[in-house]
Amino acid sequence: MAGSSSWSRALVHISPYTFSAVSIAISIGFSVLGAAWGEYITGISLIGAAIKAPRITCKNLISVIFCEAVAIYGVIVAIILQTKLESAPESKIYVPESLRAGYAIFASGIIVGFENLVCGICVGIIGSSCALSDAQNSSLFVKILVIEIFGSALGLFGVIVGIIMSSQATWPAKMA
């Protein structure tokens, strides 16, 4: 059962730096993907609704800004995770402390990346609804914008969780 093909054995023999680097890429990549997807959803509705009511174009660009904030959250966390990477001596790469640090950074990047993917889509859908409803009735803009602000706040929660998770990453000390 504990042969060379078991997952636990594989996870222990992969460098924690590999997990850390992959999570940093996931943090940026999925955050930008979520922001782009949200901007796409918002943009097509904004352009379509602006045909009926051209007045909505400028004020509904705030939805695009909220989507872009999601990408910025991912970049910020990736920078924080990159600063957590420290080089451990070759002899201490696979010690439990190094593995724990690598997995903490990995979990942080995964959480932030996927959370920002979902948050970007959420903000995009709400921004789309905001543009379409504003074109029909301008009194709805502020009401739906408040909902969009709460949707964007979900991205901040992911950043906070990512920072807390990455604070668990402590690499073994180098020999003097």
N, C-alpha and C. Protein backbone atom coordinates (compact mmCIF):
# COMPACT_ATOMS: atom_id res chain seq x y z
N MET A 1 0.81 -1.20 0.00
CA MET A 1 0.00 0.00 0.00
C MET A 1 0.85 1.26 0.00
N ALA A 2 1.92 1.25 0.73
CA ALA A 2 2.77 2.44 0.80
C ALA A 2 3.88 2.37 -0.24
N GLY A 3 3.54 1.90 -1.44
CA GLY A 3 4.52 1.76 -2.51
C GLY A 3 4.92 3.12 -3.07
N SER A 4 5.75 3.08 -4.08
CA SER A 4 6.27 4.32 -4.66
C SER A 4 5.22 5.09 -5.43
N SER A 5 4.06 4.51 -5.68
CA SER A 5 3.03 5.21 -6.45
C SER A 5 1.97 5.86 -5.56
N SER A 6 2.11 5.80 -4.27
CA SER A 6 1.09 6.40 -3.41
C SER A 6 1.21 7.92 -3.43
N TRP A 7 0.08 8.59 -3.25
CA TRP A 7 0.05 10.05 -3.29
C TRP A 7 0.83 10.67 -2.15
N SER A 8 0.72 10.09 -0.97
CA SER A 8 1.42 10.68 0.17
C SER A 8 2.93 10.64 -0.04
N ARG A 9 3.40 9.57 -0.60
CA ARG A 9 4.84 9.47 -0.87
C ARG A 9 5.26 10.49 -1.93
N ALA A 10 4.43 10.66 -2.94
CA ALA A 10 4.73 11.63 -3.99
C ALA A 10 4.75 13.05 -3.45
N LEU A 11 3.78 13.38 -2.60
CA LEU A 11 3.69 14.74 -2.07
C LEU A 11 4.87 15.07 -1.16
N VAL A 12 5.41 14.09 -0.49
CA VAL A 12 6.53 14.32 0.40
C VAL A 12 7.84 14.46 -0.39
N HIS A 13 7.88 13.91 -1.59
CA HIS A 13 9.12 13.95 -2.37
C HIS A 13 9.15 15.04 -3.43
N ILE A 14 8.11 15.83 -3.53
CA ILE A 14 8.12 16.98 -4.43
C ILE A 14 8.59 18.17 -3.62
N SER A 15 9.48 18.94 -4.19
CA SER A 15 10.06 20.08 -3.49
C SER A 15 8.98 21.07 -3.04
N PRO A 16 9.05 21.55 -1.80
CA PRO A 16 8.08 22.54 -1.35
C PRO A 16 8.18 23.85 -2.14
N TYR A 17 9.32 24.10 -2.75
CA TYR A 17 9.46 25.29 -3.59
C TYR A 17 8.61 25.16 -4.85
N THR A 18 8.44 23.94 -5.33
CA THR A 18 7.59 23.71 -6.49
C THR A 18 6.14 24.05 -6.14
N PHE A 19 5.67 23.56 -5.00
CA PHE A 19 4.31 23.88 -4.58
C PHE A 19 4.13 25.39 -4.40
N SER A 20 5.13 26.04 -3.83
CA SER A 20 5.04 27.48 -3.61
C SER A 20 4.97 28.24 -4.92
N ALA A 21 5.82 27.87 -5.87
CA ALA A 21 5.84 28.55 -7.17
C ALA A 21 4.53 28.33 -7.93
N VAL A 22 4.00 27.12 -7.87
CA VAL A 22 2.73 26.83 -8.55
C VAL A 22 1.61 27.65 -7.93
N SER A 23 1.60 27.78 -6.62
CA SER A 23 0.52 28.54 -5.98
C SER A 23 0.61 30.02 -6.28
N ILE A 24 1.81 30.54 -6.42
CA ILE A 24 1.96 31.96 -6.79
C ILE A 24 1.40 32.17 -8.19
N ALA A 25 1.69 31.25 -9.10
CA ALA A 25 1.15 31.35 -10.45
C ALA A 25 -0.37 31.23 -10.46
N ILE A 26 -0.91 30.33 -9.64
CA ILE A 26 -2.36 30.16 -9.56
C ILE A 26 -3.01 31.41 -8.97
N SER A 27 -2.37 32.00 -7.98
CA SER A 27 -2.91 33.21 -7.36
C SER A 27 -3.05 34.33 -8.38
N ILE A 28 -2.02 34.56 -9.16
CA ILE A 28 -2.09 35.62 -10.18
C ILE A 28 -3.00 35.20 -11.33
N GLY A 29 -2.78 34.00 -11.84
CA GLY A 29 -3.49 33.55 -13.04
C GLY A 29 -5.00 33.52 -12.88
N PHE A 30 -5.46 32.89 -11.83
CA PHE A 30 -6.90 32.76 -11.65
C PHE A 30 -7.54 34.09 -11.23
N SER A 31 -6.81 34.94 -10.53
CA SER A 31 -7.34 36.25 -10.19
C SER A 31 -7.53 37.11 -11.44
N VAL A 32 -6.54 37.08 -12.32
CA VAL A 32 -6.65 37.83 -13.57
C VAL A 32 -7.74 37.23 -14.46
N LEU A 33 -7.83 35.90 -14.49
CA LEU A 33 -8.89 35.26 -15.27
C LEU A 33 -10.27 35.66 -14.76
N GLY A 34 -10.45 35.68 -13.44
CA GLY A 34 -11.73 36.11 -12.87
C GLY A 34 -12.05 37.55 -13.19
N ALA A 35 -11.03 38.41 -13.11
CA ALA A 35 -11.24 39.83 -13.44
C ALA A 35 -11.60 40.00 -14.91
N ALA A 36 -10.90 39.29 -15.79
CA ALA A 36 -11.17 39.40 -17.22
C ALA A 36 -12.57 38.88 -17.56
N TRP A 37 -12.94 37.77 -16.94
CA TRP A 37 -14.25 37.20 -17.17
C TRP A 37 -15.35 38.17 -16.69
N GLY A 38 -15.14 38.75 -15.52
CA GLY A 38 -16.10 39.72 -14.99
C GLY A 38 -16.20 40.97 -15.87
N GLU A 39 -15.05 41.44 -16.35
CA GLU A 39 -15.07 42.61 -17.23
C GLU A 39 -15.77 42.29 -18.54
N TYR A 40 -15.59 41.09 -19.03
CA TYR A 40 -16.27 40.67 -20.26
C TYR A 40 -17.78 40.66 -20.05
N ILE A 41 -18.23 40.06 -18.97
CA ILE A 41 -19.67 39.99 -18.69
C ILE A 41 -20.25 41.39 -18.53
N THR A 42 -19.56 42.23 -17.77
CA THR A 42 -20.04 43.60 -17.55
C THR A 42 -20.00 44.39 -18.85
N GLY A 43 -18.90 44.26 -19.59
CA GLY A 43 -18.72 45.07 -20.79
C GLY A 43 -19.75 44.80 -21.86
N ILE A 44 -20.08 43.53 -22.10
CA ILE A 44 -21.05 43.27 -23.16
C ILE A 44 -22.44 43.78 -22.79
N SER A 45 -22.79 43.71 -21.52
CA SER A 45 -24.09 44.24 -21.10
C SER A 45 -24.08 45.76 -21.11
N LEU A 46 -22.96 46.34 -20.72
CA LEU A 46 -22.85 47.80 -20.72
C LEU A 46 -22.96 48.36 -22.14
N ILE A 47 -22.30 47.74 -23.07
CA ILE A 47 -22.37 48.21 -24.46
C ILE A 47 -23.79 48.04 -25.01
N GLY A 48 -24.39 46.90 -24.71
CA GLY A 48 -25.75 46.68 -25.19
C GLY A 48 -26.76 47.64 -24.57
N ALA A 49 -26.64 47.88 -23.27
CA ALA A 49 -27.57 48.77 -22.59
C ALA A 49 -27.34 50.23 -22.98
N ALA A 50 -26.10 50.57 -23.33
CA ALA A 50 -25.79 51.96 -23.71
C ALA A 50 -26.43 52.34 -25.03
N ILE A 51 -26.84 51.36 -25.80
CA ILE A 51 -27.57 51.67 -27.05
C ILE A 51 -28.91 52.30 -26.72
N LYS A 52 -29.57 51.77 -25.69
CA LYS A 52 -30.87 52.32 -25.28
C LYS A 52 -30.71 53.62 -24.49
N ALA A 53 -29.69 53.65 -23.61
CA ALA A 53 -29.49 54.82 -22.74
C ALA A 53 -28.01 55.17 -22.69
N PRO A 54 -27.53 56.01 -23.60
CA PRO A 54 -26.10 56.35 -23.64
C PRO A 54 -25.58 57.01 -22.35
N ARG A 55 -26.45 57.56 -21.54
CA ARG A 55 -26.04 58.23 -20.30
C ARG A 55 -25.40 57.28 -19.29
N ILE A 56 -25.62 55.99 -19.41
CA ILE A 56 -25.13 55.03 -18.41
C ILE A 56 -23.66 54.67 -18.58
N THR A 57 -23.07 55.02 -19.70
CA THR A 57 -21.73 54.52 -20.03
C THR A 57 -20.69 54.90 -18.98
N CYS A 58 -20.60 56.17 -18.64
CA CYS A 58 -19.54 56.61 -17.72
C CYS A 58 -19.73 56.09 -16.31
N LYS A 59 -20.93 56.22 -15.77
CA LYS A 59 -21.09 55.83 -14.37
C LYS A 59 -21.05 54.32 -14.17
N ASN A 60 -21.35 53.55 -15.18
CA ASN A 60 -21.28 52.10 -15.04
C ASN A 60 -19.89 51.54 -15.25
N LEU A 61 -18.92 52.37 -15.57
CA LEU A 61 -17.54 51.91 -15.66
C LEU A 61 -16.99 51.54 -14.28
N ILE A 62 -17.67 51.96 -13.23
CA ILE A 62 -17.27 51.58 -11.87
C ILE A 62 -17.29 50.05 -11.72
N SER A 63 -18.18 49.39 -12.44
CA SER A 63 -18.24 47.93 -12.39
C SER A 63 -16.98 47.30 -12.95
N VAL A 64 -16.43 47.89 -13.99
CA VAL A 64 -15.18 47.40 -14.57
C VAL A 64 -14.03 47.61 -13.58
N ILE A 65 -14.07 48.72 -12.87
CA ILE A 65 -13.03 49.00 -11.87
C ILE A 65 -13.09 47.97 -10.74
N PHE A 66 -14.28 47.60 -10.31
CA PHE A 66 -14.42 46.58 -9.27
C PHE A 66 -13.85 45.24 -9.76
N CYS A 67 -14.08 44.92 -11.02
CA CYS A 67 -13.52 43.69 -11.57
C CYS A 67 -12.00 43.75 -11.59
N GLU A 68 -11.46 44.89 -11.94
CA GLU A 68 -9.99 45.03 -12.00
C GLU A 68 -9.38 44.93 -10.61
N ALA A 69 -10.11 45.34 -9.60
CA ALA A 69 -9.62 45.22 -8.22
C ALA A 69 -9.36 43.76 -7.86
N VAL A 70 -10.15 42.86 -8.42
CA VAL A 70 -9.97 41.43 -8.16
C VAL A 70 -8.59 40.98 -8.66
N ALA A 71 -8.20 41.45 -9.82
CA ALA A 71 -6.88 41.10 -10.35
C ALA A 71 -5.78 41.68 -9.46
N ILE A 72 -5.99 42.86 -8.97
CA ILE A 72 -5.00 43.50 -8.10
C ILE A 72 -4.85 42.72 -6.80
N TYR A 73 -5.95 42.18 -6.27
CA TYR A 73 -5.87 41.35 -5.06
C TYR A 73 -4.95 40.16 -5.29
N GLY A 74 -5.07 39.52 -6.42
CA GLY A 74 -4.21 38.38 -6.73
C GLY A 74 -2.75 38.75 -6.84
N VAL A 75 -2.48 39.90 -7.45
CA VAL A 75 -1.09 40.36 -7.58
C VAL A 75 -0.51 40.69 -6.21
N ILE A 76 -1.29 41.32 -5.36
CA ILE A 76 -0.81 41.67 -4.01
C ILE A 76 -0.46 40.40 -3.23
N VAL A 77 -1.34 39.42 -3.27
CA VAL A 77 -1.07 38.18 -2.54
C VAL A 77 0.12 37.45 -3.13
N ALA A 78 0.26 37.47 -4.45
CA ALA A 78 1.42 36.82 -5.07
C ALA A 78 2.72 37.48 -4.63
N ILE A 79 2.72 38.78 -4.48
CA ILE A 79 3.92 39.48 -4.00
C ILE A 79 4.20 39.08 -2.55
N ILE A 80 3.17 39.00 -1.75
CA ILE A 80 3.35 38.59 -0.35
C ILE A 80 3.88 37.16 -0.29
N LEU A 81 3.33 36.28 -1.11
CA LEU A 81 3.79 34.89 -1.11
C LEU A 81 5.23 34.79 -1.60
N GLN A 82 5.58 35.61 -2.57
CA GLN A 82 6.96 35.59 -3.08
C GLN A 82 7.95 36.00 -2.00
N THR A 83 7.55 36.94 -1.14
CA THR A 83 8.45 37.36 -0.06
C THR A 83 8.59 36.27 1.01
N LYS A 84 7.61 35.35 1.05
CA LYS A 84 7.67 34.26 2.02
C LYS A 84 8.66 33.16 1.60
N LEU A 85 9.01 33.14 0.33
CA LEU A 85 9.95 32.12 -0.14
C LEU A 85 11.35 32.45 0.35
N GLU A 86 11.93 31.55 1.03
CA GLU A 86 13.30 31.68 1.50
C GLU A 86 14.04 30.42 1.09
N SER A 87 15.31 30.55 0.84
CA SER A 87 16.05 29.36 0.45
C SER A 87 16.53 28.61 1.68
N ALA A 88 16.13 27.38 1.76
CA ALA A 88 16.59 26.51 2.84
C ALA A 88 17.82 25.75 2.35
N PRO A 89 18.67 25.33 3.26
CA PRO A 89 19.82 24.52 2.83
C PRO A 89 19.34 23.24 2.15
N GLU A 90 20.12 22.75 1.23
CA GLU A 90 19.77 21.54 0.46
C GLU A 90 19.40 20.38 1.37
N SER A 91 20.08 20.28 2.51
CA SER A 91 19.83 19.16 3.41
C SER A 91 18.51 19.30 4.18
N LYS A 92 17.91 20.50 4.16
CA LYS A 92 16.67 20.72 4.93
C LYS A 92 15.45 20.97 4.06
N ILE A 93 15.55 20.65 2.77
CA ILE A 93 14.41 20.91 1.88
C ILE A 93 13.22 20.01 2.22
N TYR A 94 13.48 18.76 2.57
CA TYR A 94 12.39 17.81 2.79
C TYR A 94 12.09 17.56 4.26
N VAL A 95 12.56 18.42 5.14
CA VAL A 95 12.22 18.26 6.55
C VAL A 95 10.77 18.73 6.74
N PRO A 96 10.10 18.26 7.76
CA PRO A 96 8.69 18.62 7.94
C PRO A 96 8.43 20.13 7.99
N GLU A 97 9.35 20.88 8.56
CA GLU A 97 9.15 22.33 8.63
C GLU A 97 9.12 22.96 7.24
N SER A 98 9.99 22.50 6.34
CA SER A 98 9.99 23.01 4.97
C SER A 98 8.74 22.59 4.21
N LEU A 99 8.34 21.34 4.40
CA LEU A 99 7.13 20.86 3.74
C LEU A 99 5.91 21.64 4.22
N ARG A 100 5.85 21.90 5.52
CA ARG A 100 4.72 22.66 6.06
C ARG A 100 4.69 24.08 5.49
N ALA A 101 5.86 24.70 5.37
CA ALA A 101 5.93 26.05 4.80
C ALA A 101 5.48 26.04 3.34
N GLY A 102 5.94 25.06 2.59
CA GLY A 102 5.54 24.96 1.19
C GLY A 102 4.06 24.74 1.02
N TYR A 103 3.50 23.86 1.84
CA TYR A 103 2.06 23.60 1.76
C TYR A 103 1.24 24.80 2.24
N ALA A 104 1.74 25.56 3.20
CA ALA A 104 1.02 26.76 3.66
C ALA A 104 0.96 27.80 2.54
N ILE A 105 2.07 27.99 1.85
CA ILE A 105 2.08 28.92 0.72
C ILE A 105 1.19 28.39 -0.40
N PHE A 106 1.25 27.09 -0.64
CA PHE A 106 0.42 26.47 -1.68
C PHE A 106 -1.06 26.68 -1.37
N ALA A 107 -1.48 26.41 -0.15
CA ALA A 107 -2.89 26.58 0.23
C ALA A 107 -3.31 28.03 0.10
N SER A 108 -2.45 28.94 0.48
CA SER A 108 -2.76 30.35 0.40
C SER A 108 -2.99 30.77 -1.06
N GLY A 109 -2.12 30.36 -1.95
CA GLY A 109 -2.27 30.73 -3.35
C GLY A 109 -3.49 30.11 -4.00
N ILE A 110 -3.77 28.86 -3.65
CA ILE A 110 -4.96 28.18 -4.19
C ILE A 110 -6.23 28.88 -3.73
N ILE A 111 -6.29 29.19 -2.44
CA ILE A 111 -7.48 29.85 -1.89
C ILE A 111 -7.71 31.20 -2.56
N VAL A 112 -6.68 32.00 -2.63
CA VAL A 112 -6.82 33.34 -3.21
C VAL A 112 -7.15 33.26 -4.69
N GLY A 113 -6.48 32.39 -5.43
CA GLY A 113 -6.72 32.29 -6.86
C GLY A 113 -8.15 31.90 -7.19
N PHE A 114 -8.63 30.82 -6.59
CA PHE A 114 -9.97 30.35 -6.91
C PHE A 114 -11.04 31.26 -6.33
N GLU A 115 -10.78 31.84 -5.18
CA GLU A 115 -11.75 32.76 -4.60
C GLU A 115 -11.89 34.00 -5.48
N ASN A 116 -10.78 34.51 -6.00
CA ASN A 116 -10.84 35.68 -6.87
C ASN A 116 -11.43 35.35 -8.24
N LEU A 117 -11.29 34.12 -8.69
CA LEU A 117 -11.95 33.70 -9.92
C LEU A 117 -13.47 33.82 -9.75
N VAL A 118 -13.97 33.27 -8.67
CA VAL A 118 -15.41 33.31 -8.40
C VAL A 118 -15.87 34.74 -8.12
N CYS A 119 -15.05 35.50 -7.40
CA CYS A 119 -15.41 36.88 -7.08
C CYS A 119 -15.48 37.73 -8.35
N GLY A 120 -14.55 37.54 -9.27
CA GLY A 120 -14.58 38.30 -10.52
C GLY A 120 -15.83 38.02 -11.33
N ILE A 121 -16.21 36.75 -11.38
CA ILE A 121 -17.44 36.38 -12.10
C ILE A 121 -18.65 36.98 -11.40
N CYS A 122 -18.65 36.93 -10.06
CA CYS A 122 -19.76 37.49 -9.27
C CYS A 122 -19.90 38.99 -9.53
N VAL A 123 -18.80 39.71 -9.47
CA VAL A 123 -18.84 41.16 -9.69
C VAL A 123 -19.25 41.46 -11.12
N GLY A 124 -18.81 40.64 -12.07
CA GLY A 124 -19.21 40.85 -13.46
C GLY A 124 -20.69 40.67 -13.68
N ILE A 125 -21.26 39.65 -13.07
CA ILE A 125 -22.70 39.42 -13.22
C ILE A 125 -23.50 40.55 -12.58
N ILE A 126 -23.07 40.98 -11.41
CA ILE A 126 -23.77 42.09 -10.75
C ILE A 126 -23.60 43.38 -11.55
N GLY A 127 -22.39 43.60 -12.09
CA GLY A 127 -22.16 44.79 -12.92
C GLY A 127 -23.01 44.77 -14.18
N SER A 128 -23.19 43.60 -14.75
CA SER A 128 -24.06 43.45 -15.91
C SER A 128 -25.50 43.81 -15.56
N SER A 129 -25.95 43.30 -14.42
CA SER A 129 -27.30 43.61 -13.96
C SER A 129 -27.46 45.09 -13.67
N CYS A 130 -26.40 45.69 -13.14
CA CYS A 130 -26.43 47.11 -12.83
C CYS A 130 -26.59 47.94 -14.10
N ALA A 131 -25.84 47.60 -15.14
CA ALA A 131 -25.92 48.35 -16.39
C ALA A 131 -27.30 48.19 -17.03
N LEU A 132 -27.80 46.96 -17.05
CA LEU A 132 -29.09 46.73 -17.70
C LEU A 132 -30.24 47.39 -16.94
N SER A 133 -30.19 47.31 -15.61
CA SER A 133 -31.28 47.93 -14.83
C SER A 133 -31.17 49.45 -14.84
N ASP A 134 -29.95 49.98 -14.88
CA ASP A 134 -29.78 51.43 -14.94
C ASP A 134 -30.30 51.98 -16.26
N ALA A 135 -30.17 51.23 -17.32
CA ALA A 135 -30.70 51.68 -18.60
C ALA A 135 -32.23 51.75 -18.58
N GLN A 136 -32.86 50.88 -17.78
CA GLN A 136 -34.31 50.87 -17.68
C GLN A 136 -34.83 51.90 -16.68
N ASN A 137 -34.14 51.98 -15.51
CA ASN A 137 -34.60 52.86 -14.43
C ASN A 137 -33.37 53.36 -13.68
N SER A 138 -33.06 54.64 -13.80
CA SER A 138 -31.82 55.18 -13.22
C SER A 138 -31.81 55.16 -11.70
N SER A 139 -32.96 55.03 -11.06
CA SER A 139 -32.98 55.00 -9.59
C SER A 139 -32.44 53.68 -9.03
N LEU A 140 -32.28 52.67 -9.87
CA LEU A 140 -31.79 51.38 -9.41
C LEU A 140 -30.27 51.31 -9.35
N PHE A 141 -29.57 52.28 -9.94
CA PHE A 141 -28.12 52.21 -10.04
C PHE A 141 -27.45 52.11 -8.67
N VAL A 142 -27.78 52.99 -7.76
CA VAL A 142 -27.12 53.01 -6.45
C VAL A 142 -27.47 51.75 -5.66
N LYS A 143 -28.67 51.28 -5.76
CA LYS A 143 -29.08 50.08 -5.02
C LYS A 143 -28.28 48.85 -5.47
N ILE A 144 -28.12 48.71 -6.76
CA ILE A 144 -27.38 47.54 -7.25
C ILE A 144 -25.88 47.74 -7.06
N LEU A 145 -25.42 48.98 -7.08
CA LEU A 145 -24.00 49.26 -6.84
C LEU A 145 -23.60 48.85 -5.42
N VAL A 146 -24.49 49.02 -4.46
CA VAL A 146 -24.22 48.58 -3.09
C VAL A 146 -24.04 47.06 -3.05
N ILE A 147 -24.86 46.34 -3.78
CA ILE A 147 -24.72 44.88 -3.85
C ILE A 147 -23.39 44.53 -4.50
N GLU A 148 -23.00 45.28 -5.51
CA GLU A 148 -21.73 45.02 -6.18
C GLU A 148 -20.54 45.27 -5.26
N ILE A 149 -20.65 46.25 -4.40
CA ILE A 149 -19.58 46.52 -3.42
C ILE A 149 -19.44 45.34 -2.48
N PHE A 150 -20.55 44.77 -2.03
CA PHE A 150 -20.48 43.60 -1.17
C PHE A 150 -19.91 42.39 -1.91
N GLY A 151 -20.24 42.25 -3.18
CA GLY A 151 -19.66 41.17 -3.98
C GLY A 151 -18.15 41.33 -4.12
N SER A 152 -17.71 42.56 -4.28
CA SER A 152 -16.27 42.82 -4.40
C SER A 152 -15.55 42.60 -3.08
N ALA A 153 -16.25 42.80 -1.99
CA ALA A 153 -15.64 42.59 -0.67
C ALA A 153 -15.28 41.13 -0.44
N LEU A 154 -15.93 40.22 -1.15
CA LEU A 154 -15.58 38.80 -1.04
C LEU A 154 -14.12 38.57 -1.43
N GLY A 155 -13.62 39.35 -2.38
CA GLY A 155 -12.23 39.26 -2.77
C GLY A 155 -11.29 39.65 -1.64
N LEU A 156 -11.69 40.64 -0.87
CA LEU A 156 -10.87 41.04 0.28
C LEU A 156 -10.83 39.95 1.34
N PHE A 157 -11.93 39.25 1.52
CA PHE A 157 -11.94 38.14 2.47
C PHE A 157 -10.93 37.08 2.06
N GLY A 158 -10.86 36.80 0.77
CA GLY A 158 -9.89 35.84 0.27
C GLY A 158 -8.46 36.28 0.50
N VAL A 159 -8.20 37.57 0.32
CA VAL A 159 -6.86 38.12 0.57
C VAL A 159 -6.50 37.96 2.04
N ILE A 160 -7.44 38.24 2.92
CA ILE A 160 -7.18 38.12 4.36
C ILE A 160 -6.88 36.66 4.72
N VAL A 161 -7.68 35.74 4.20
CA VAL A 161 -7.44 34.33 4.48
C VAL A 161 -6.08 33.90 3.92
N GLY A 162 -5.75 34.38 2.73
CA GLY A 162 -4.46 34.05 2.13
C GLY A 162 -3.29 34.56 2.94
N ILE A 163 -3.41 35.75 3.47
CA ILE A 163 -2.34 36.32 4.29
C ILE A 163 -2.20 35.53 5.60
N ILE A 164 -3.32 35.19 6.20
CA ILE A 164 -3.28 34.40 7.44
C ILE A 164 -2.65 33.04 7.18
N MET A 165 -3.03 32.39 6.07
CA MET A 165 -2.46 31.09 5.74
C MET A 165 -0.96 31.19 5.47
N SER A 166 -0.54 32.24 4.78
CA SER A 166 0.88 32.37 4.45
C SER A 166 1.72 32.72 5.67
N SER A 167 1.09 33.23 6.70
CA SER A 167 1.86 33.55 7.91
C SER A 167 2.35 32.28 8.61
N GLN A 168 1.79 31.14 8.24
CA GLN A 168 2.21 29.85 8.81
C GLN A 168 3.48 29.32 8.15
N ALA A 169 3.94 29.98 7.10
CA ALA A 169 5.10 29.50 6.35
C ALA A 169 6.39 29.99 7.01
N THR A 170 7.05 29.09 7.72
CA THR A 170 8.35 29.39 8.30
C THR A 170 9.33 28.31 7.84
N TRP A 171 10.37 28.73 7.17
CA TRP A 171 11.36 27.81 6.63
C TRP A 171 12.42 27.53 7.68
N PRO A 172 13.07 26.38 7.63
CA PRO A 172 14.11 26.08 8.61
C PRO A 172 15.29 27.06 8.46
N ALA A 173 15.93 27.35 9.58
CA ALA A 173 17.04 28.30 9.58
C ALA A 173 18.26 27.71 8.88
N LYS A 174 19.02 28.61 8.26
CA LYS A 174 20.27 28.19 7.63
C LYS A 174 21.32 27.95 8.69
N MET A 175 22.27 27.08 8.37
CA MET A 175 23.37 26.84 9.31
C MET A 175 24.37 27.99 9.20
N ALA A 176 24.94 28.37 10.33
CA ALA A 176 25.87 29.49 10.34
C ALA A 176 27.23 29.09 9.83
